[in-house]
Amino acid sequence: MRMFNTYLAFEIDRPSNRIIIKIIDTETKEVIRQIPPEEMLRIMHNIDELLGLLVDERV
């Protein structure tokens, strides 16, 4: 069954310090799904940059 040919990988996105979960196909090593998606990470990084322009200090 294809459902069992996957594994989870956990990573930390260093700029945002958030956990990324990837579902990876064991045969092809292809990322099937990423949580949060790459597009969402880019949006979060852009928002962080904009907030950095507005506020001098980050917590």
C-alpha atoms as a PDB file:
ATOM      1  CA  MET A   1       0.000   0.000   0.000  1.00  0.00           C
ATOM      2  CA  ARG A   2       1.420   3.372  -1.009  1.00  0.00           C
ATOM      3  CA  MET A   3       0.403   5.002   2.263  1.00  0.00           C
ATOM      4  CA  PHE A   4       3.120   3.086   4.114  1.00  0.00           C
ATOM      5  CA  ASN A   5       5.929   3.970   1.695  1.00  0.00           C
ATOM      6  CA  THR A   6       6.499   7.313   3.392  1.00  0.00           C
ATOM      7  CA  TYR A   7       8.309   8.722   6.369  1.00  0.00           C
ATOM      8  CA  LEU A   8       8.294  11.997   8.275  1.00  0.00           C
ATOM      9  CA  ALA A   9      11.237  14.359   8.484  1.00  0.00           C
ATOM     10  CA  PHE A  10      11.359  17.223  10.973  1.00  0.00           C
ATOM     11  CA  GLU A  11      13.470  20.324  10.370  1.00  0.00           C
ATOM     12  CA  ILE A  12      13.809  23.770  11.886  1.00  0.00           C
ATOM     13  CA  ASP A  13      13.605  26.797   9.633  1.00  0.00           C
ATOM     14  CA  ARG A  14      16.449  28.885  11.046  1.00  0.00           C
ATOM     15  CA  PRO A  15      15.280  32.380  10.008  1.00  0.00           C
ATOM     16  CA  SER A  16      11.827  31.967  11.580  1.00  0.00           C
ATOM     17  CA  ASN A  17      12.751  29.282  14.142  1.00  0.00           C
ATOM     18  CA  ARG A  18       9.669  27.254  13.119  1.00  0.00           C
ATOM     19  CA  ILE A  19       9.346  23.500  12.803  1.00  0.00           C
ATOM     20  CA  ILE A  20       8.892  22.111   9.282  1.00  0.00           C
ATOM     21  CA  ILE A  21       7.390  18.672   8.764  1.00  0.00           C
ATOM     22  CA  LYS A  22       8.021  16.875   5.478  1.00  0.00           C
ATOM     23  CA  ILE A  23       6.315  13.713   4.256  1.00  0.00           C
ATOM     24  CA  ILE A  24       8.829  11.914   2.040  1.00  0.00           C
ATOM     25  CA  ASP A  25       8.433   8.945  -0.310  1.00  0.00           C
ATOM     26  CA  THR A  26      10.839   6.221   0.826  1.00  0.00           C
ATOM     27  CA  GLU A  27      11.510   4.949  -2.710  1.00  0.00           C
ATOM     28  CA  THR A  28      12.056   8.191  -4.618  1.00  0.00           C
ATOM     29  CA  LYS A  29      13.069  10.428  -1.662  1.00  0.00           C
ATOM     30  CA  GLU A  30      10.626  12.992  -3.110  1.00  0.00           C
ATOM     31  CA  VAL A  31       8.897  15.412  -0.748  1.00  0.00           C
ATOM     32  CA  ILE A  32       5.206  14.610  -1.050  1.00  0.00           C
ATOM     33  CA  ARG A  33       3.986  17.313   1.311  1.00  0.00           C
ATOM     34  CA  GLN A  34       5.539  19.968   3.511  1.00  0.00           C
ATOM     35  CA  ILE A  35       3.882  21.653   6.464  1.00  0.00           C
ATOM     36  CA  PRO A  36       3.953  24.649   6.378  1.00  0.00           C
ATOM     37  CA  PRO A  37       4.319  24.827   2.588  1.00  0.00           C
ATOM     38  CA  GLU A  38       7.347  26.555   1.042  1.00  0.00           C
ATOM     39  CA  GLU A  39       5.166  29.449  -0.170  1.00  0.00           C
ATOM     40  CA  MET A  40       3.918  30.057   3.375  1.00  0.00           C
ATOM     41  CA  LEU A  41       7.493  30.103   4.703  1.00  0.00           C
ATOM     42  CA  ARG A  42       8.417  32.743   2.124  1.00  0.00           C
ATOM     43  CA  ILE A  43       5.414  34.845   3.141  1.00  0.00           C
ATOM     44  CA  MET A  44       6.354  34.536   6.825  1.00  0.00           C
ATOM     45  CA  HIS A  45       9.957  35.579   6.064  1.00  0.00           C
ATOM     46  CA  ASN A  46       8.721  38.606   4.097  1.00  0.00           C
ATOM     47  CA  ILE A  47       6.391  39.628   6.923  1.00  0.00           C
ATOM     48  CA  ASP A  48       9.241  39.301   9.428  1.00  0.00           C
ATOM     49  CA  GLU A  49      11.399  41.550   7.236  1.00  0.00           C
ATOM     50  CA  LEU A  50       8.642  44.146   6.965  1.00  0.00           C
ATOM     51  CA  LEU A  51       8.105  44.089  10.715  1.00  0.00           C
ATOM     52  CA  GLY A  52      11.842  44.554  11.165  1.00  0.00           C
ATOM     53  CA  LEU A  53      11.646  47.724   9.095  1.00  0.00           C
ATOM     54  CA  LEU A  54       8.821  49.077  11.234  1.00  0.00           C
ATOM     55  CA  VAL A  55      10.197  48.076  14.625  1.00  0.00           C
ATOM     56  CA  ASP A  56      13.835  48.370  15.639  1.00  0.00           C
ATOM     57  CA  GLU A  57      13.751  45.627  18.281  1.00  0.00           C
ATOM     58  CA  ARG A  58      12.636  42.031  17.912  1.00  0.00           C
ATOM     59  CA  VAL A  59      11.632  39.927  20.857  1.00  0.00           C
END
